[in-house]
PDB file of all heavy atoms in Angstrom:
ATOM      1  N   ARG A   1     -40.151   6.982  17.662  1.00  0.00           N
ATOM      2  CA  ARG A   1     -40.136   5.546  17.373  1.00  0.00           C
ATOM      3  C   ARG A   1     -41.466   4.908  17.807  1.00  0.00           C
ATOM      4  O   ARG A   1     -42.042   4.093  17.080  1.00  0.00           O
ATOM      5  CB  ARG A   1     -38.966   4.859  18.069  1.00  0.00           C
ATOM      6  CG  ARG A   1     -38.872   3.378  17.716  1.00  0.00           C
ATOM      7  CD  ARG A   1     -37.700   2.658  18.367  1.00  0.00           C
ATOM      8  NE  ARG A   1     -36.464   3.329  18.096  1.00  0.00           N
ATOM      9  CZ  ARG A   1     -35.565   3.659  19.044  1.00  0.00           C
ATOM     10  NH1 ARG A   1     -35.774   3.368  20.301  1.00  0.00           N
ATOM     11  NH2 ARG A   1     -34.453   4.283  18.734  1.00  0.00           N
ATOM     12  N   ARG A   2     -41.954   5.270  19.002  1.00  0.00           N
ATOM     13  CA  ARG A   2     -43.240   4.742  19.484  1.00  0.00           C
ATOM     14  C   ARG A   2     -44.373   5.135  18.543  1.00  0.00           C
ATOM     15  O   ARG A   2     -45.224   4.293  18.187  1.00  0.00           O
ATOM     16  CB  ARG A   2     -43.535   5.253  20.893  1.00  0.00           C
ATOM     17  CG  ARG A   2     -42.834   4.481  21.992  1.00  0.00           C
ATOM     18  CD  ARG A   2     -43.363   4.802  23.359  1.00  0.00           C
ATOM     19  NE  ARG A   2     -43.318   6.211  23.706  1.00  0.00           N
ATOM     20  CZ  ARG A   2     -42.265   6.845  24.230  1.00  0.00           C
ATOM     21  NH1 ARG A   2     -41.160   6.177  24.485  1.00  0.00           N
ATOM     22  NH2 ARG A   2     -42.330   8.123  24.519  1.00  0.00           N
ATOM     23  N   LEU A   3     -44.400   6.406  18.125  1.00  0.00           N
ATOM     24  CA  LEU A   3     -45.453   6.873  17.215  1.00  0.00           C
ATOM     25  C   LEU A   3     -45.388   6.146  15.866  1.00  0.00           C
ATOM     26  O   LEU A   3     -46.410   5.775  15.299  1.00  0.00           O
ATOM     27  CB  LEU A   3     -45.347   8.388  17.015  1.00  0.00           C
ATOM     28  CG  LEU A   3     -45.656   9.264  18.209  1.00  0.00           C
ATOM     29  CD1 LEU A   3     -45.310  10.723  17.898  1.00  0.00           C
ATOM     30  CD2 LEU A   3     -47.115   9.140  18.624  1.00  0.00           C
ATOM     31  N   LEU A   4     -44.174   5.953  15.369  1.00  0.00           N
ATOM     32  CA  LEU A   4     -44.013   5.268  14.080  1.00  0.00           C
ATOM     33  C   LEU A   4     -44.461   3.824  14.178  1.00  0.00           C
ATOM     34  O   LEU A   4     -45.070   3.290  13.233  1.00  0.00           O
ATOM     35  CB  LEU A   4     -42.565   5.335  13.602  1.00  0.00           C
ATOM     36  CG  LEU A   4     -42.125   6.682  13.051  1.00  0.00           C
ATOM     37  CD1 LEU A   4     -40.610   6.719  12.878  1.00  0.00           C
ATOM     38  CD2 LEU A   4     -42.825   6.996  11.751  1.00  0.00           C
ATOM     39  N   THR A   5     -44.173   3.158  15.277  1.00  0.00           N
ATOM     40  CA  THR A   5     -44.602   1.777  15.463  1.00  0.00           C
ATOM     41  C   THR A   5     -46.124   1.694  15.430  1.00  0.00           C
ATOM     42  O   THR A   5     -46.679   0.788  14.813  1.00  0.00           O
ATOM     43  CB  THR A   5     -44.055   1.198  16.788  1.00  0.00           C
ATOM     44  OG1 THR A   5     -42.623   1.282  16.758  1.00  0.00           O
ATOM     45  CG2 THR A   5     -44.466  -0.250  16.983  1.00  0.00           C
ATOM     46  N   GLU A   6     -46.798   2.667  16.054  1.00  0.00           N
ATOM     47  CA  GLU A   6     -48.267   2.700  16.048  1.00  0.00           C
ATOM     48  C   GLU A   6     -48.818   2.996  14.659  1.00  0.00           C
ATOM     49  O   GLU A   6     -49.775   2.346  14.232  1.00  0.00           O
ATOM     50  CB  GLU A   6     -48.766   3.776  17.006  1.00  0.00           C
ATOM     51  CG  GLU A   6     -48.528   3.504  18.465  1.00  0.00           C
ATOM     52  CD  GLU A   6     -48.845   4.723  19.345  1.00  0.00           C
ATOM     53  OE1 GLU A   6     -49.503   5.665  18.863  1.00  0.00           O
ATOM     54  OE2 GLU A   6     -48.413   4.714  20.515  1.00  0.00           O
ATOM     55  N   LYS A   7     -48.214   3.947  13.947  1.00  0.00           N
ATOM     56  CA  LYS A   7     -48.782   4.425  12.680  1.00  0.00           C
ATOM     57  C   LYS A   7     -48.342   3.611  11.459  1.00  0.00           C
ATOM     58  O   LYS A   7     -49.077   3.497  10.498  1.00  0.00           O
ATOM     59  CB  LYS A   7     -48.483   5.902  12.486  1.00  0.00           C
ATOM     60  CG  LYS A   7     -49.192   6.762  13.476  1.00  0.00           C
ATOM     61  CD  LYS A   7     -49.232   8.184  12.980  1.00  0.00           C
ATOM     62  CE  LYS A   7     -50.166   8.976  13.855  1.00  0.00           C
ATOM     63  NZ  LYS A   7     -51.043   9.810  13.099  1.00  0.00           N
ATOM     64  N   LEU A   8     -47.112   3.087  11.489  1.00  0.00           N
ATOM     65  CA  LEU A   8     -46.593   2.363  10.331  1.00  0.00           C
ATOM     66  C   LEU A   8     -46.593   0.839  10.543  1.00  0.00           C
ATOM     67  O   LEU A   8     -46.758   0.084   9.594  1.00  0.00           O
ATOM     68  CB  LEU A   8     -45.140   2.785  10.024  1.00  0.00           C
ATOM     69  CG  LEU A   8     -44.918   4.079   9.298  1.00  0.00           C
ATOM     70  CD1 LEU A   8     -43.426   4.288   9.115  1.00  0.00           C
ATOM     71  CD2 LEU A   8     -45.638   4.122   7.981  1.00  0.00           C
ATOM     72  N   GLY A   9     -46.303   0.440  11.754  1.00  0.00           N
ATOM     73  CA  GLY A   9     -46.173  -0.993  12.050  1.00  0.00           C
ATOM     74  C   GLY A   9     -44.743  -1.448  11.857  1.00  0.00           C
ATOM     75  O   GLY A   9     -43.967  -0.867  11.102  1.00  0.00           O
ATOM     76  N   PRO A  10     -44.374  -2.527  12.548  1.00  0.00           N
ATOM     77  CA  PRO A  10     -43.007  -3.019  12.515  1.00  0.00           C
ATOM     78  C   PRO A  10     -42.535  -3.482  11.135  1.00  0.00           C
ATOM     79  O   PRO A  10     -41.353  -3.347  10.810  1.00  0.00           O
ATOM     80  CB  PRO A  10     -43.012  -4.195  13.480  1.00  0.00           C
ATOM     81  CG  PRO A  10     -44.310  -4.160  14.194  1.00  0.00           C
ATOM     82  CD  PRO A  10     -45.228  -3.241  13.481  1.00  0.00           C
ATOM     83  N   GLU A  11     -43.434  -4.000  10.312  1.00  0.00           N
ATOM     84  CA  GLU A  11     -43.031  -4.487   8.985  1.00  0.00           C
ATOM     85  C   GLU A  11     -42.529  -3.347   8.117  1.00  0.00           C
ATOM     86  O   GLU A  11     -41.481  -3.465   7.465  1.00  0.00           O
ATOM     87  CB  GLU A  11     -44.214  -5.191   8.275  1.00  0.00           C
ATOM     88  CG  GLU A  11     -44.722  -6.430   8.993  1.00  0.00           C
ATOM     89  CD  GLU A  11     -45.717  -6.081  10.113  1.00  0.00           C
ATOM     90  OE1 GLU A  11     -46.295  -4.958  10.122  1.00  0.00           O
ATOM     91  OE2 GLU A  11     -45.895  -6.929  11.004  1.00  0.00           O
ATOM     92  N   GLU A  12     -43.267  -2.245   8.079  1.00  0.00           N
ATOM     93  CA  GLU A  12     -42.864  -1.097   7.276  1.00  0.00           C
ATOM     94  C   GLU A  12     -41.578  -0.475   7.820  1.00  0.00           C
ATOM     95  O   GLU A  12     -40.695  -0.072   7.072  1.00  0.00           O
ATOM     96  CB  GLU A  12     -43.967  -0.039   7.220  1.00  0.00           C
ATOM     97  CG  GLU A  12     -43.683   1.128   6.287  1.00  0.00           C
ATOM     98  CD  GLU A  12     -43.714   0.790   4.806  1.00  0.00           C
ATOM     99  OE1 GLU A  12     -44.264  -0.266   4.420  1.00  0.00           O
ATOM    100  OE2 GLU A  12     -43.186   1.577   4.013  1.00  0.00           O
ATOM    101  N   ILE A  13     -41.455  -0.413   9.138  1.00  0.00           N
ATOM    102  CA  ILE A  13     -40.255   0.120   9.766  1.00  0.00           C
ATOM    103  C   ILE A  13     -39.042  -0.722   9.348  1.00  0.00           C
ATOM    104  O   ILE A  13     -37.998  -0.186   8.980  1.00  0.00           O
ATOM    105  CB  ILE A  13     -40.420   0.165  11.297  1.00  0.00           C
ATOM    106  CG1 ILE A  13     -41.421   1.275  11.651  1.00  0.00           C
ATOM    107  CG2 ILE A  13     -39.084   0.383  11.991  1.00  0.00           C
ATOM    108  CD1 ILE A  13     -41.831   1.295  13.108  1.00  0.00           C
ATOM    109  N   GLU A  14     -39.194  -2.041   9.399  1.00  0.00           N
ATOM    110  CA  GLU A  14     -38.088  -2.922   9.000  1.00  0.00           C
ATOM    111  C   GLU A  14     -37.796  -2.783   7.515  1.00  0.00           C
ATOM    112  O   GLU A  14     -36.625  -2.715   7.098  1.00  0.00           O
ATOM    113  CB  GLU A  14     -38.423  -4.369   9.350  1.00  0.00           C
ATOM    114  CG  GLU A  14     -37.237  -5.278   9.107  1.00  0.00           C
ATOM    115  CD  GLU A  14     -37.495  -6.700   9.571  1.00  0.00           C
ATOM    116  OE1 GLU A  14     -38.289  -6.893  10.501  1.00  0.00           O
ATOM    117  OE2 GLU A  14     -36.870  -7.608   8.995  1.00  0.00           O
ATOM    118  N   LYS A  15     -38.835  -2.742   6.695  1.00  0.00           N
ATOM    119  CA  LYS A  15     -38.657  -2.618   5.235  1.00  0.00           C
ATOM    120  C   LYS A  15     -37.881  -1.340   4.884  1.00  0.00           C
ATOM    121  O   LYS A  15     -37.055  -1.350   3.958  1.00  0.00           O
ATOM    122  CB  LYS A  15     -40.039  -2.601   4.579  1.00  0.00           C
ATOM    123  CG  LYS A  15     -40.017  -2.514   3.082  1.00  0.00           C
ATOM    124  CD  LYS A  15     -41.429  -2.676   2.521  1.00  0.00           C
ATOM    125  CE  LYS A  15     -41.892  -1.380   1.937  1.00  0.00           C
ATOM    126  NZ  LYS A  15     -43.220  -1.431   1.356  1.00  0.00           N
ATOM    127  N   ARG A  16     -38.102  -0.283   5.618  1.00  0.00           N
ATOM    128  CA  ARG A  16     -37.453   1.007   5.364  1.00  0.00           C
ATOM    129  C   ARG A  16     -36.101   1.129   6.052  1.00  0.00           C
ATOM    130  O   ARG A  16     -35.413   2.131   5.866  1.00  0.00           O
ATOM    131  CB  ARG A  16     -38.339   2.167   5.834  1.00  0.00           C
ATOM    132  CG  ARG A  16     -39.679   2.258   5.153  1.00  0.00           C
ATOM    133  CD  ARG A  16     -39.526   2.771   3.773  1.00  0.00           C
ATOM    134  NE  ARG A  16     -40.828   2.859   3.098  1.00  0.00           N
ATOM    135  CZ  ARG A  16     -40.997   3.453   1.966  1.00  0.00           C
ATOM    136  NH1 ARG A  16     -39.986   3.996   1.338  1.00  0.00           N
ATOM    137  NH2 ARG A  16     -42.187   3.487   1.391  1.00  0.00           N
ATOM    138  N   GLY A  17     -35.738   0.146   6.869  1.00  0.00           N
ATOM    139  CA  GLY A  17     -34.500   0.269   7.639  1.00  0.00           C
ATOM    140  C   GLY A  17     -34.564   1.481   8.551  1.00  0.00           C
ATOM    141  O   GLY A  17     -33.548   2.115   8.811  1.00  0.00           O
ATOM    142  N   LEU A  18     -35.764   1.800   9.012  1.00  0.00           N
ATOM    143  CA  LEU A  18     -36.013   3.035   9.729  1.00  0.00           C
ATOM    144  C   LEU A  18     -35.451   2.980  11.148  1.00  0.00           C
ATOM    145  O   LEU A  18     -35.882   2.182  11.968  1.00  0.00           O
ATOM    146  CB  LEU A  18     -37.532   3.290   9.778  1.00  0.00           C
ATOM    147  CG  LEU A  18     -37.965   4.742   9.735  1.00  0.00           C
ATOM    148  CD1 LEU A  18     -39.397   4.845   9.275  1.00  0.00           C
ATOM    149  CD2 LEU A  18     -37.745   5.471  10.991  1.00  0.00           C
ATOM    150  N   ILE A  19     -34.468   3.822  11.384  1.00  0.00           N
ATOM    151  CA  ILE A  19     -33.835   3.934  12.700  1.00  0.00           C
ATOM    152  C   ILE A  19     -34.168   5.316  13.262  1.00  0.00           C
ATOM    153  O   ILE A  19     -34.166   6.294  12.525  1.00  0.00           O
ATOM    154  CB  ILE A  19     -32.300   3.799  12.588  1.00  0.00           C
ATOM    155  CG1 ILE A  19     -31.919   2.407  12.097  1.00  0.00           C
ATOM    156  CG2 ILE A  19     -31.623   4.100  13.927  1.00  0.00           C
ATOM    157  CD1 ILE A  19     -30.422   2.264  11.827  1.00  0.00           C
ATOM    158  N   CYS A  20     -34.430   5.385  14.548  1.00  0.00           N
ATOM    159  CA  CYS A  20     -34.645   6.660  15.253  1.00  0.00           C
ATOM    160  C   CYS A  20     -33.578   6.762  16.326  1.00  0.00           C
ATOM    161  O   CYS A  20     -33.400   5.843  17.118  1.00  0.00           O
ATOM    162  CB  CYS A  20     -36.018   6.716  15.895  1.00  0.00           C
ATOM    163  SG  CYS A  20     -37.385   6.571  14.749  1.00  0.00           S
ATOM    164  N   GLY A  21     -32.883   7.899  16.370  1.00  0.00           N
ATOM    165  CA  GLY A  21     -31.858   8.060  17.380  1.00  0.00           C
ATOM    166  C   GLY A  21     -31.252   9.453  17.318  1.00  0.00           C
ATOM    167  O   GLY A  21     -31.824  10.371  16.747  1.00  0.00           O
ATOM    168  N   ASP A  22     -30.060   9.571  17.895  1.00  0.00           N
ATOM    169  CA  ASP A  22     -29.344  10.837  17.769  1.00  0.00           C
ATOM    170  C   ASP A  22     -28.263  10.665  16.695  1.00  0.00           C
ATOM    171  O   ASP A  22     -28.141   9.601  16.083  1.00  0.00           O
ATOM    172  CB  ASP A  22     -28.762  11.274  19.115  1.00  0.00           C
ATOM    173  CG  ASP A  22     -27.725  10.321  19.677  1.00  0.00           C
ATOM    174  OD1 ASP A  22     -27.204   9.455  18.948  1.00  0.00           O
ATOM    175  OD2 ASP A  22     -27.401  10.454  20.873  1.00  0.00           O
ATOM    176  N   ALA A  23     -27.511  11.680  16.457  1.00  0.00           N
ATOM    177  CA  ALA A  23     -26.517  11.654  15.373  1.00  0.00           C
ATOM    178  C   ALA A  23     -25.536  10.500  15.544  1.00  0.00           C
ATOM    179  O   ALA A  23     -25.149   9.878  14.557  1.00  0.00           O
ATOM    180  CB  ALA A  23     -25.769  12.991  15.326  1.00  0.00           C
ATOM    181  N   TYR A  24     -25.154  10.193  16.767  1.00  0.00           N
ATOM    182  CA  TYR A  24     -24.164   9.148  17.002  1.00  0.00           C
ATOM    183  C   TYR A  24     -24.695   7.748  16.673  1.00  0.00           C
ATOM    184  O   TYR A  24     -23.917   6.860  16.358  1.00  0.00           O
ATOM    185  CB  TYR A  24     -23.627   9.231  18.423  1.00  0.00           C
ATOM    186  CG  TYR A  24     -22.940  10.547  18.666  1.00  0.00           C
ATOM    187  CD1 TYR A  24     -23.462  11.476  19.561  1.00  0.00           C
ATOM    188  CD2 TYR A  24     -21.785  10.893  17.957  1.00  0.00           C
ATOM    189  CE1 TYR A  24     -22.834  12.702  19.760  1.00  0.00           C
ATOM    190  CE2 TYR A  24     -21.160  12.109  18.146  1.00  0.00           C
ATOM    191  CZ  TYR A  24     -21.698  13.014  19.054  1.00  0.00           C
ATOM    192  OH  TYR A  24     -21.084  14.223  19.232  1.00  0.00           O
ATOM    193  N   ASP A  25     -26.006   7.575  16.703  1.00  0.00           N
ATOM    194  CA  ASP A  25     -26.593   6.290  16.318  1.00  0.00           C
ATOM    195  C   ASP A  25     -26.422   6.040  14.822  1.00  0.00           C
ATOM    196  O   ASP A  25     -26.572   4.914  14.353  1.00  0.00           O
ATOM    197  CB  ASP A  25     -28.080   6.229  16.675  1.00  0.00           C
ATOM    198  CG  ASP A  25     -28.307   6.207  18.173  1.00  0.00           C
ATOM    199  OD1 ASP A  25     -27.526   5.540  18.881  1.00  0.00           O
ATOM    200  OD2 ASP A  25     -29.257   6.863  18.642  1.00  0.00           O
ATOM    201  N   PHE A  26     -26.115   7.098  14.069  1.00  0.00           N
ATOM    202  CA  PHE A  26     -25.972   6.989  12.632  1.00  0.00           C
ATOM    203  C   PHE A  26     -24.506   7.093  12.178  1.00  0.00           C
ATOM    204  O   PHE A  26     -24.226   7.156  10.987  1.00  0.00           O
ATOM    205  CB  PHE A  26     -26.790   8.091  11.930  1.00  0.00           C
ATOM    206  CG  PHE A  26     -28.258   7.817  11.943  1.00  0.00           C
ATOM    207  CD1 PHE A  26     -29.018   8.128  13.052  1.00  0.00           C
ATOM    208  CD2 PHE A  26     -28.880   7.244  10.855  1.00  0.00           C
ATOM    209  CE1 PHE A  26     -30.379   7.879  13.077  1.00  0.00           C
ATOM    210  CE2 PHE A  26     -30.246   6.992  10.863  1.00  0.00           C
ATOM    211  CZ  PHE A  26     -30.988   7.300  11.975  1.00  0.00           C
ATOM    212  N   GLN A  27     -23.582   7.134  13.128  1.00  0.00           N
ATOM    213  CA  GLN A  27     -22.175   7.238  12.796  1.00  0.00           C
ATOM    214  C   GLN A  27     -21.782   6.102  11.842  1.00  0.00           C
ATOM    215  O   GLN A  27     -21.995   4.937  12.163  1.00  0.00           O
ATOM    216  CB  GLN A  27     -21.326   7.165  14.064  1.00  0.00           C
ATOM    217  CG  GLN A  27     -19.875   7.516  13.849  1.00  0.00           C
ATOM    218  CD  GLN A  27     -19.640   9.013  13.758  1.00  0.00           C
ATOM    219  OE1 GLN A  27     -20.318   9.804  14.380  1.00  0.00           O
ATOM    220  NE2 GLN A  27     -18.657   9.403  12.973  1.00  0.00           N
ATOM    221  N   GLY A  28     -21.298   6.439  10.673  1.00  0.00           N
ATOM    222  CA  GLY A  28     -20.902   5.450   9.692  1.00  0.00           C
ATOM    223  C   GLY A  28     -22.045   4.788   8.960  1.00  0.00           C
ATOM    224  O   GLY A  28     -21.867   3.818   8.242  1.00  0.00           O
ATOM    225  N   ASP A  29     -23.264   5.285   9.134  1.00  0.00           N
ATOM    226  CA  ASP A  29     -24.449   4.697   8.528  1.00  0.00           C
ATOM    227  C   ASP A  29     -25.217   5.790   7.771  1.00  0.00           C
ATOM    228  O   ASP A  29     -25.200   6.955   8.179  1.00  0.00           O
ATOM    229  CB  ASP A  29     -25.331   4.108   9.630  1.00  0.00           C
ATOM    230  CG  ASP A  29     -26.326   3.083   9.110  1.00  0.00           C
ATOM    231  OD1 ASP A  29     -26.291   2.768   7.909  1.00  0.00           O
ATOM    232  OD2 ASP A  29     -27.139   2.612   9.921  1.00  0.00           O
ATOM    233  N   GLU A  30     -25.842   5.437   6.677  1.00  0.00           N
ATOM    234  CA  GLU A  30     -26.603   6.406   5.904  1.00  0.00           C
ATOM    235  C   GLU A  30     -28.002   5.857   5.611  1.00  0.00           C
ATOM    236  O   GLU A  30     -28.219   4.650   5.671  1.00  0.00           O
ATOM    237  CB  GLU A  30     -25.905   6.689   4.553  1.00  0.00           C
ATOM    238  CG  GLU A  30     -24.595   7.385   4.648  1.00  0.00           C
ATOM    239  CD  GLU A  30     -23.976   7.621   3.281  1.00  0.00           C
ATOM    240  OE1 GLU A  30     -24.160   6.774   2.366  1.00  0.00           O
ATOM    241  OE2 GLU A  30     -23.299   8.651   3.121  1.00  0.00           O
ATOM    242  N   ARG A  31     -28.890   6.752   5.261  1.00  0.00           N
ATOM    243  CA  ARG A  31     -30.221   6.414   4.792  1.00  0.00           C
ATOM    244  C   ARG A  31     -30.523   7.285   3.585  1.00  0.00           C
ATOM    245  O   ARG A  31     -29.945   8.361   3.433  1.00  0.00           O
ATOM    246  CB  ARG A  31     -31.294   6.672   5.877  1.00  0.00           C
ATOM    247  CG  ARG A  31     -31.187   5.753   7.092  1.00  0.00           C
ATOM    248  CD  ARG A  31     -31.503   4.315   6.699  1.00  0.00           C
ATOM    249  NE  ARG A  31     -31.506   3.390   7.815  1.00  0.00           N
ATOM    250  CZ  ARG A  31     -30.464   2.710   8.225  1.00  0.00           C
ATOM    251  NH1 ARG A  31     -29.295   2.866   7.665  1.00  0.00           N
ATOM    252  NH2 ARG A  31     -30.567   1.850   9.222  1.00  0.00           N
ATOM    253  N   ASP A  32     -31.436   6.826   2.739  1.00  0.00           N
ATOM    254  CA  ASP A  32     -31.808   7.646   1.579  1.00  0.00           C
ATOM    255  C   ASP A  32     -32.422   8.964   2.034  1.00  0.00           C
ATOM    256  O   ASP A  32     -32.086  10.030   1.534  1.00  0.00           O
ATOM    257  CB  ASP A  32     -32.811   6.900   0.682  1.00  0.00           C
ATOM    258  CG  ASP A  32     -32.199   5.647   0.060  1.00  0.00           C
ATOM    259  OD1 ASP A  32     -31.066   5.738  -0.458  1.00  0.00           O
ATOM    260  OD2 ASP A  32     -32.862   4.582   0.095  1.00  0.00           O
TER     261      ASP A  32
END
């Protein structure tokens, strides 16, 4: 997440709905 914030910036992270976590952080949630 720290590396992505540096390389992509918060706007792109928000636009992509980009979440970083473990499997349980995605329980009931999907991404393309």
